[in-house]
Structures are given as C-alpha cells and as structure tokens.
PDB file of all heavy atoms in Angstrom:
ATOM      1  N   VAL A   1     -88.953 -23.127-131.122  1.00  0.00           N
ATOM      2  CA  VAL A   1     -88.684 -21.778-131.799  1.00  0.00           C
ATOM      3  C   VAL A   1     -87.244 -21.437-131.389  1.00  0.00           C
ATOM      4  O   VAL A   1     -86.402 -20.978-132.186  1.00  0.00           O
ATOM      5  CB  VAL A   1     -89.596 -20.698-131.234  1.00  0.00           C
ATOM      6  CG1 VAL A   1     -89.239 -19.353-131.835  1.00  0.00           C
ATOM      7  CG2 VAL A   1     -91.093 -21.002-131.815  1.00  0.00           C
ATOM      8  N   VAL A   2     -86.829 -21.711-130.149  1.00  0.00           N
ATOM      9  CA  VAL A   2     -85.465 -21.673-129.855  1.00  0.00           C
ATOM     10  C   VAL A   2     -84.842 -22.988-129.678  1.00  0.00           C
ATOM     11  O   VAL A   2     -85.525 -23.858-128.982  1.00  0.00           O
ATOM     12  CB  VAL A   2     -85.228 -20.817-128.383  1.00  0.00           C
ATOM     13  CG1 VAL A   2     -83.796 -20.731-127.996  1.00  0.00           C
ATOM     14  CG2 VAL A   2     -86.044 -19.471-128.428  1.00  0.00           C
ATOM     15  N   SER A   3     -83.639 -23.254-130.190  1.00  0.00           N
ATOM     16  CA  SER A   3     -83.224 -24.684-130.092  1.00  0.00           C
ATOM     17  C   SER A   3     -81.680 -24.648-129.847  1.00  0.00           C
ATOM     18  O   SER A   3     -81.015 -23.636-130.044  1.00  0.00           O
ATOM     19  CB  SER A   3     -83.400 -25.287-131.373  1.00  0.00           C
ATOM     20  OG  SER A   3     -82.725 -24.758-132.444  1.00  0.00           O
ATOM     21  N   SER A   4     -81.208 -25.755-129.447  1.00  0.00           N
ATOM     22  CA  SER A   4     -79.842 -25.898-129.130  1.00  0.00           C
ATOM     23  C   SER A   4     -79.387 -27.444-129.224  1.00  0.00           C
ATOM     24  O   SER A   4     -80.288 -28.222-128.951  1.00  0.00           O
ATOM     25  CB  SER A   4     -79.345 -25.372-127.847  1.00  0.00           C
ATOM     26  OG  SER A   4     -78.147 -25.701-127.444  1.00  0.00           O
ATOM     27  N   SER A   5     -78.239 -27.627-129.563  1.00  0.00           N
ATOM     28  CA  SER A   5     -77.882 -29.166-129.507  1.00  0.00           C
ATOM     29  C   SER A   5     -77.838 -29.569-128.139  1.00  0.00           C
ATOM     30  O   SER A   5     -77.491 -28.969-127.222  1.00  0.00           O
ATOM     31  CB  SER A   5     -76.417 -29.158-130.155  1.00  0.00           C
ATOM     32  OG  SER A   5     -75.468 -28.489-129.504  1.00  0.00           O
ATOM     33  N   ALA A   6     -78.078 -30.988-128.014  1.00  0.00           N
ATOM     34  CA  ALA A   6     -78.134 -31.574-126.751  1.00  0.00           C
ATOM     35  C   ALA A   6     -76.834 -31.516-126.054  1.00  0.00           C
ATOM     36  O   ALA A   6     -75.817 -31.616-126.770  1.00  0.00           O
ATOM     37  CB  ALA A   6     -78.516 -32.980-126.917  1.00  0.00           C
ATOM     38  N   ALA A   7     -76.793 -31.143-124.763  1.00  0.00           N
ATOM     39  CA  ALA A   7     -75.444 -31.095-124.138  1.00  0.00           C
ATOM     40  C   ALA A   7     -75.039 -32.468-123.567  1.00  0.00           C
ATOM     41  O   ALA A   7     -75.767 -33.260-123.452  1.00  0.00           O
ATOM     42  CB  ALA A   7     -75.792 -30.018-122.890  1.00  0.00           C
ATOM     43  N   THR A   8     -73.718 -32.457-123.350  1.00  0.00           N
ATOM     44  CA  THR A   8     -73.194 -33.728-122.677  1.00  0.00           C
ATOM     45  C   THR A   8     -73.584 -33.536-121.251  1.00  0.00           C
ATOM     46  O   THR A   8     -73.951 -32.596-120.712  1.00  0.00           O
ATOM     47  CB  THR A   8     -71.678 -33.661-122.771  1.00  0.00           C
ATOM     48  OG1 THR A   8     -71.194 -32.520-122.047  1.00  0.00           O
ATOM     49  CG2 THR A   8     -71.186 -33.663-124.274  1.00  0.00           C
ATOM     50  N   THR A   9     -73.586 -34.813-120.683  1.00  0.00           N
ATOM     51  CA  THR A   9     -73.865 -34.958-119.263  1.00  0.00           C
ATOM     52  C   THR A   9     -72.717 -35.367-118.287  1.00  0.00           C
ATOM     53  O   THR A   9     -72.856 -35.832-117.185  1.00  0.00           O
ATOM     54  CB  THR A   9     -74.983 -35.935-119.058  1.00  0.00           C
ATOM     55  OG1 THR A   9     -74.577 -37.310-119.614  1.00  0.00           O
ATOM     56  CG2 THR A   9     -76.276 -35.550-119.805  1.00  0.00           C
ATOM     57  N   ALA A  10     -71.524 -35.157-118.930  1.00  0.00           N
ATOM     58  CA  ALA A  10     -70.333 -35.506-118.017  1.00  0.00           C
ATOM     59  C   ALA A  10     -70.277 -34.505-116.797  1.00  0.00           C
ATOM     60  O   ALA A  10     -70.601 -33.411-117.021  1.00  0.00           O
ATOM     61  CB  ALA A  10     -68.946 -35.404-118.926  1.00  0.00           C
ATOM     62  N   ALA A  11     -69.875 -35.060-115.723  1.00  0.00           N
ATOM     63  CA  ALA A  11     -69.786 -34.262-114.391  1.00  0.00           C
ATOM     64  C   ALA A  11     -68.683 -34.862-113.568  1.00  0.00           C
ATOM     65  O   ALA A  11     -68.531 -36.144-113.515  1.00  0.00           O
ATOM     66  CB  ALA A  11     -71.181 -34.277-113.748  1.00  0.00           C
ATOM     67  N   LEU A  12     -68.089 -33.962-112.844  1.00  0.00           N
ATOM     68  CA  LEU A  12     -67.011 -34.467-111.875  1.00  0.00           C
ATOM     69  C   LEU A  12     -67.766 -34.866-110.594  1.00  0.00           C
ATOM     70  O   LEU A  12     -68.949 -34.558-110.415  1.00  0.00           O
ATOM     71  CB  LEU A  12     -66.258 -33.237-111.604  1.00  0.00           C
ATOM     72  CG  LEU A  12     -65.288 -32.742-112.851  1.00  0.00           C
ATOM     73  CD1 LEU A  12     -64.660 -31.452-112.422  1.00  0.00           C
ATOM     74  CD2 LEU A  12     -64.299 -33.678-113.135  1.00  0.00           C
ATOM     75  N   PRO A  13     -66.990 -35.545-109.783  1.00  0.00           N
ATOM     76  CA  PRO A  13     -67.601 -35.902-108.440  1.00  0.00           C
ATOM     77  C   PRO A  13     -67.907 -34.808-107.620  1.00  0.00           C
ATOM     78  O   PRO A  13     -67.344 -33.649-107.800  1.00  0.00           O
ATOM     79  CB  PRO A  13     -66.433 -36.689-107.741  1.00  0.00           C
ATOM     80  CG  PRO A  13     -65.548 -37.255-108.985  1.00  0.00           C
ATOM     81  CD  PRO A  13     -65.607 -36.216-109.904  1.00  0.00           C
ATOM     82  N   ARG A  14     -68.579 -34.967-106.534  1.00  0.00           N
ATOM     83  CA  ARG A  14     -68.950 -33.682-105.764  1.00  0.00           C
ATOM     84  C   ARG A  14     -67.713 -33.104-104.988  1.00  0.00           C
ATOM     85  O   ARG A  14     -66.810 -33.815-104.588  1.00  0.00           O
ATOM     86  CB  ARG A  14     -69.942 -34.035-104.694  1.00  0.00           C
ATOM     87  CG  ARG A  14     -70.265 -33.008-103.652  1.00  0.00           C
ATOM     88  CD  ARG A  14     -71.607 -33.257-103.007  1.00  0.00           C
ATOM     89  NE  ARG A  14     -72.702 -32.937-103.954  1.00  0.00           N
ATOM     90  CZ  ARG A  14     -74.061 -33.302-103.663  1.00  0.00           C
ATOM     91  NH1 ARG A  14     -74.306 -33.683-102.326  1.00  0.00           N
ATOM     92  NH2 ARG A  14     -75.010 -32.958-104.516  1.00  0.00           N
ATOM     93  N   ALA A  15     -67.802 -31.669-105.053  1.00  0.00           N
ATOM     94  CA  ALA A  15     -66.724 -31.017-104.351  1.00  0.00           C
ATOM     95  C   ALA A  15     -67.315 -29.885-103.634  1.00  0.00           C
ATOM     96  O   ALA A  15     -68.254 -29.207-104.094  1.00  0.00           O
ATOM     97  CB  ALA A  15     -65.738 -30.412-105.364  1.00  0.00           C
ATOM     98  N   THR A  16     -66.819 -29.588-102.428  1.00  0.00           N
ATOM     99  CA  THR A  16     -67.464 -28.523-101.600  1.00  0.00           C
ATOM    100  C   THR A  16     -66.568 -27.255-101.495  1.00  0.00           C
ATOM    101  O   THR A  16     -66.803 -26.329-100.729  1.00  0.00           O
ATOM    102  CB  THR A  16     -67.733 -29.039-100.143  1.00  0.00           C
ATOM    103  OG1 THR A  16     -66.450 -29.441 -99.581  1.00  0.00           O
ATOM    104  CG2 THR A  16     -68.673 -30.106-100.108  1.00  0.00           C
ATOM    105  N   ALA A  17     -65.453 -27.333-102.325  1.00  0.00           N
ATOM    106  CA  ALA A  17     -64.491 -26.228-102.502  1.00  0.00           C
ATOM    107  C   ALA A  17     -64.217 -26.041-103.997  1.00  0.00           C
ATOM    108  O   ALA A  17     -64.317 -27.055-104.662  1.00  0.00           O
ATOM    109  CB  ALA A  17     -63.274 -26.560-101.627  1.00  0.00           C
ATOM    110  N   ASP A  18     -63.714 -24.880-104.312  1.00  0.00           N
ATOM    111  CA  ASP A  18     -63.274 -24.562-105.699  1.00  0.00           C
ATOM    112  C   ASP A  18     -62.040 -25.440-105.984  1.00  0.00           C
ATOM    113  O   ASP A  18     -61.078 -25.353-105.147  1.00  0.00           O
ATOM    114  CB  ASP A  18     -63.051 -23.196-105.835  1.00  0.00           C
ATOM    115  CG  ASP A  18     -62.843 -22.600-107.276  1.00  0.00           C
ATOM    116  OD1 ASP A  18     -62.735 -23.455-108.055  1.00  0.00           O
ATOM    117  OD2 ASP A  18     -62.878 -21.503-107.373  1.00  0.00           O
ATOM    118  N   ARG A  19     -61.975 -26.173-107.009  1.00  0.00           N
ATOM    119  CA  ARG A  19     -60.852 -27.053-107.378  1.00  0.00           C
ATOM    120  C   ARG A  19     -59.839 -25.940-107.956  1.00  0.00           C
ATOM    121  O   ARG A  19     -60.216 -24.891-108.424  1.00  0.00           O
ATOM    122  CB  ARG A  19     -61.308 -27.994-108.472  1.00  0.00           C
ATOM    123  CG  ARG A  19     -62.161 -29.115-107.904  1.00  0.00           C
ATOM    124  CD  ARG A  19     -62.551 -30.015-109.069  1.00  0.00           C
ATOM    125  NE  ARG A  19     -63.281 -31.154-108.665  1.00  0.00           N
ATOM    126  CZ  ARG A  19     -64.683 -31.273-108.625  1.00  0.00           C
ATOM    127  NH1 ARG A  19     -65.418 -30.113-108.992  1.00  0.00           N
ATOM    128  NH2 ARG A  19     -65.286 -32.355-108.185  1.00  0.00           N
ATOM    129  N   PRO A  20     -58.564 -26.506-107.969  1.00  0.00           N
ATOM    130  CA  PRO A  20     -57.486 -25.490-108.603  1.00  0.00           C
ATOM    131  C   PRO A  20     -57.830 -25.076-109.981  1.00  0.00           C
ATOM    132  O   PRO A  20     -58.382 -25.898-110.852  1.00  0.00           O
ATOM    133  CB  PRO A  20     -56.363 -26.380-108.556  1.00  0.00           C
ATOM    134  CG  PRO A  20     -56.509 -27.345-107.445  1.00  0.00           C
ATOM    135  CD  PRO A  20     -57.954 -27.589-107.468  1.00  0.00           C
ATOM    136  N   ASP A  21     -57.692 -23.800-110.346  1.00  0.00           N
ATOM    137  CA  ASP A  21     -57.990 -23.246-111.711  1.00  0.00           C
ATOM    138  C   ASP A  21     -57.129 -23.881-112.678  1.00  0.00           C
ATOM    139  O   ASP A  21     -55.838 -23.962-112.492  1.00  0.00           O
ATOM    140  CB  ASP A  21     -57.901 -21.803-111.645  1.00  0.00           C
ATOM    141  CG  ASP A  21     -58.926 -21.152-110.743  1.00  0.00           C
ATOM    142  OD1 ASP A  21     -59.820 -21.752-110.382  1.00  0.00           O
ATOM    143  OD2 ASP A  21     -58.775 -19.880-110.451  1.00  0.00           O
ATOM    144  N   GLU A  22     -57.620 -24.170-113.875  1.00  0.00           N
ATOM    145  CA  GLU A  22     -56.782 -24.457-114.935  1.00  0.00           C
ATOM    146  C   GLU A  22     -56.378 -23.337-115.837  1.00  0.00           C
ATOM    147  O   GLU A  22     -55.220 -23.533-116.568  1.00  0.00           O
ATOM    148  CB  GLU A  22     -57.662 -25.361-115.935  1.00  0.00           C
ATOM    149  CG  GLU A  22     -58.082 -26.715-115.287  1.00  0.00           C
ATOM    150  CD  GLU A  22     -58.764 -27.675-116.228  1.00  0.00           C
ATOM    151  OE1 GLU A  22     -59.593 -27.239-117.032  1.00  0.00           O
ATOM    152  OE2 GLU A  22     -58.259 -28.843-116.410  1.00  0.00           O
ATOM    153  N   ARG A  23     -56.876 -22.143-115.451  1.00  0.00           N
ATOM    154  CA  ARG A  23     -56.245 -20.967-116.180  1.00  0.00           C
ATOM    155  C   ARG A  23     -56.484 -19.845-115.242  1.00  0.00           C
ATOM    156  O   ARG A  23     -57.460 -19.828-114.470  1.00  0.00           O
ATOM    157  CB  ARG A  23     -56.888 -20.672-117.491  1.00  0.00           C
ATOM    158  CG  ARG A  23     -58.366 -20.462-117.497  1.00  0.00           C
ATOM    159  CD  ARG A  23     -58.911 -20.154-118.912  1.00  0.00           C
ATOM    160  NE  ARG A  23     -60.417 -20.191-118.726  1.00  0.00           N
ATOM    161  CZ  ARG A  23     -61.137 -19.982-119.899  1.00  0.00           C
ATOM    162  NH1 ARG A  23     -60.588 -20.025-121.128  1.00  0.00           N
ATOM    163  NH2 ARG A  23     -62.532 -19.939-119.848  1.00  0.00           N
ATOM    164  N   PRO A  24     -55.582 -18.745-115.415  1.00  0.00           N
ATOM    165  CA  PRO A  24     -55.820 -17.650-114.448  1.00  0.00           C
ATOM    166  C   PRO A  24     -56.817 -16.626-114.914  1.00  0.00           C
ATOM    167  O   PRO A  24     -57.271 -16.747-116.137  1.00  0.00           O
ATOM    168  CB  PRO A  24     -54.342 -17.116-114.408  1.00  0.00           C
ATOM    169  CG  PRO A  24     -53.954 -17.387-115.840  1.00  0.00           C
ATOM    170  CD  PRO A  24     -54.429 -18.693-116.126  1.00  0.00           C
ATOM    171  N   GLY A  25     -57.053 -15.805-114.046  1.00  0.00           N
ATOM    172  CA  GLY A  25     -57.964 -14.522-114.507  1.00  0.00           C
ATOM    173  C   GLY A  25     -59.362 -14.703-114.341  1.00  0.00           C
ATOM    174  O   GLY A  25     -59.912 -15.759-113.862  1.00  0.00           O
ATOM    175  N   ALA A  26     -60.067 -13.872-115.026  1.00  0.00           N
ATOM    176  CA  ALA A  26     -61.599 -13.915-114.847  1.00  0.00           C
ATOM    177  C   ALA A  26     -62.173 -15.132-115.411  1.00  0.00           C
ATOM    178  O   ALA A  26     -61.941 -15.505-116.551  1.00  0.00           O
ATOM    179  CB  ALA A  26     -62.133 -12.618-115.706  1.00  0.00           C
ATOM    180  N   GLN A  27     -63.193 -15.545-114.626  1.00  0.00           N
ATOM    181  CA  GLN A  27     -64.023 -16.729-115.093  1.00  0.00           C
ATOM    182  C   GLN A  27     -65.310 -16.919-114.303  1.00  0.00           C
ATOM    183  O   GLN A  27     -65.364 -16.303-113.161  1.00  0.00           O
ATOM    184  CB  GLN A  27     -63.032 -17.972-115.110  1.00  0.00           C
ATOM    185  CG  GLN A  27     -62.428 -18.279-113.689  1.00  0.00           C
ATOM    186  CD  GLN A  27     -61.357 -19.368-113.775  1.00  0.00           C
ATOM    187  OE1 GLN A  27     -61.576 -20.524-114.059  1.00  0.00           O
ATOM    188  NE2 GLN A  27     -60.055 -18.855-113.726  1.00  0.00           N
ATOM    189  N   ILE A  28     -66.061 -17.682-114.646  1.00  0.00           N
ATOM    190  CA  ILE A  28     -67.406 -17.991-114.045  1.00  0.00           C
ATOM    191  C   ILE A  28     -67.254 -19.373-113.448  1.00  0.00           C
ATOM    192  O   ILE A  28     -67.188 -20.364-114.193  1.00  0.00           O
ATOM    193  CB  ILE A  28     -68.621 -17.832-115.169  1.00  0.00           C
ATOM    194  CG1 ILE A  28     -68.668 -16.367-115.646  1.00  0.00           C
ATOM    195  CG2 ILE A  28     -69.873 -18.149-114.489  1.00  0.00           C
ATOM    196  CD1 ILE A  28     -69.486 -16.230-116.773  1.00  0.00           C
ATOM    197  N   HIS A  29     -67.668 -19.387-112.231  1.00  0.00           N
ATOM    198  CA  HIS A  29     -67.557 -20.635-111.372  1.00  0.00           C
ATOM    199  C   HIS A  29     -69.136 -20.955-111.033  1.00  0.00           C
ATOM    200  O   HIS A  29     -69.738 -20.199-110.540  1.00  0.00           O
ATOM    201  CB  HIS A  29     -66.798 -20.462-110.081  1.00  0.00           C
ATOM    202  CG  HIS A  29     -66.669 -21.733-109.454  1.00  0.00           C
ATOM    203  ND1 HIS A  29     -65.775 -22.771-109.669  1.00  0.00           N
ATOM    204  CD2 HIS A  29     -67.352 -22.199-108.268  1.00  0.00           C
ATOM    205  CE1 HIS A  29     -65.882 -23.778-108.845  1.00  0.00           C
ATOM    206  NE2 HIS A  29     -66.824 -23.459-108.027  1.00  0.00           N
ATOM    207  N   VAL A  30     -69.475 -22.280-111.329  1.00  0.00           N
ATOM    208  CA  VAL A  30     -70.696 -22.597-111.158  1.00  0.00           C
ATOM    209  C   VAL A  30     -70.974 -23.411-109.844  1.00  0.00           C
ATOM    210  O   VAL A  30     -70.218 -24.140-109.373  1.00  0.00           O
ATOM    211  CB  VAL A  30     -71.189 -23.612-112.270  1.00  0.00           C
ATOM    212  CG1 VAL A  30     -72.603 -24.103-112.172  1.00  0.00           C
ATOM    213  CG2 VAL A  30     -71.102 -22.932-113.535  1.00  0.00           C
ATOM    214  N   LEU A  31     -72.099 -23.088-109.174  1.00  0.00           N
ATOM    215  CA  LEU A  31     -72.451 -23.650-107.781  1.00  0.00           C
ATOM    216  C   LEU A  31     -73.758 -24.368-107.856  1.00  0.00           C
ATOM    217  O   LEU A  31     -74.669 -23.990-108.531  1.00  0.00           O
ATOM    218  CB  LEU A  31     -72.564 -22.505-106.741  1.00  0.00           C
ATOM    219  CG  LEU A  31     -71.285 -21.571-106.544  1.00  0.00           C
ATOM    220  CD1 LEU A  31     -71.718 -20.526-105.554  1.00  0.00           C
ATOM    221  CD2 LEU A  31     -70.066 -22.385-106.027  1.00  0.00           C
ATOM    222  N   TYR A  32     -73.896 -25.540-107.106  1.00  0.00           N
ATOM    223  CA  TYR A  32     -75.059 -26.100-106.746  1.00  0.00           C
ATOM    224  C   TYR A  32     -75.458 -25.887-105.288  1.00  0.00           C
ATOM    225  O   TYR A  32     -74.736 -26.274-104.462  1.00  0.00           O
ATOM    226  CB  TYR A  32     -75.163 -27.557-107.090  1.00  0.00           C
ATOM    227  CG  TYR A  32     -76.368 -28.389-106.658  1.00  0.00           C
ATOM    228  CD1 TYR A  32     -77.692 -27.876-106.976  1.00  0.00           C
ATOM    229  CD2 TYR A  32     -76.338 -29.641-106.166  1.00  0.00           C
ATOM    230  CE1 TYR A  32     -78.771 -28.531-106.641  1.00  0.00           C
ATOM    231  CE2 TYR A  32     -77.469 -30.375-105.908  1.00  0.00           C
ATOM    232  CZ  TYR A  32     -78.648 -29.837-106.089  1.00  0.00           C
ATOM    233  OH  TYR A  32     -79.840 -30.482-105.877  1.00  0.00           O
ATOM    234  N   VAL A  33     -76.428 -25.118-105.150  1.00  0.00           N
ATOM    235  CA  VAL A  33     -76.695 -24.503-103.766  1.00  0.00           C
ATOM    236  C   VAL A  33     -78.063 -25.116-103.202  1.00  0.00           C
ATOM    237  O   VAL A  33     -79.046 -25.027-103.881  1.00  0.00           O
ATOM    238  CB  VAL A  33     -76.744 -23.009-103.629  1.00  0.00           C
ATOM    239  CG1 VAL A  33     -76.948 -22.466-102.270  1.00  0.00           C
ATOM    240  CG2 VAL A  33     -75.434 -22.447-104.312  1.00  0.00           C
ATOM    241  N   LEU A  34     -78.022 -25.559-101.826  1.00  0.00           N
ATOM    242  CA  LEU A  34     -79.212 -25.901-101.228  1.00  0.00           C
ATOM    243  C   LEU A  34     -79.451 -25.260 -99.953  1.00  0.00           C
ATOM    244  O   LEU A  34     -78.533 -24.901 -99.258  1.00  0.00           O
ATOM    245  CB  LEU A  34     -79.207 -27.484-100.947  1.00  0.00           C
ATOM    246  CG  LEU A  34     -79.248 -28.441-102.288  1.00  0.00           C
ATOM    247  CD1 LEU A  34     -79.053 -29.893-101.782  1.00  0.00           C
ATOM    248  CD2 LEU A  34     -80.397 -28.235-103.098  1.00  0.00           C
ATOM    249  N   PRO A  35     -80.814 -25.023 -99.602  1.00  0.00           N
ATOM    250  CA  PRO A  35     -81.076 -24.675 -98.174  1.00  0.00           C
ATOM    251  C   PRO A  35     -80.753 -25.664 -97.169  1.00  0.00           C
ATOM    252  O   PRO A  35     -80.460 -26.775 -97.641  1.00  0.00           O
ATOM    253  CB  PRO A  35     -82.598 -24.324 -98.291  1.00  0.00           C
ATOM    254  CG  PRO A  35     -83.130 -25.214 -99.396  1.00  0.00           C
ATOM    255  CD  PRO A  35     -81.990 -25.434-100.408  1.00  0.00           C
ATOM    256  N   SER A  36     -80.787 -25.379 -95.996  1.00  0.00           N
ATOM    257  CA  SER A  36     -80.363 -26.377 -94.871  1.00  0.00           C
ATOM    258  C   SER A  36     -81.316 -27.564 -95.056  1.00  0.00           C
ATOM    259  O   SER A  36     -80.857 -28.761 -94.729  1.00  0.00           O
ATOM    260  CB  SER A  36     -80.544 -25.700 -93.510  1.00  0.00           C
ATOM    261  OG  SER A  36     -81.795 -25.287 -93.234  1.00  0.00           O
TER     262      SER A  36
END
C-alpha cells in the first residue's frame, strides 16, 4: 500500500567520527549505535 523505489546500497567505510562537512549549516547526521 505504501511503496518506494529501491534504494542504493552504496556506503562509505566505517568512521567513528563525523567526517568534514560538504556544506555548512543545518543538516541531519546519521549514526549506527550499539550497546557495549
């Protein structure tokens, strides 16, 4: 009933810090978080 085109699966290597921003200002940064 709700549909969307399939997403790409491209991904960067793992990083534990925010990489330098490509543009300034407000933006949403995504995290993959795990418990200990």
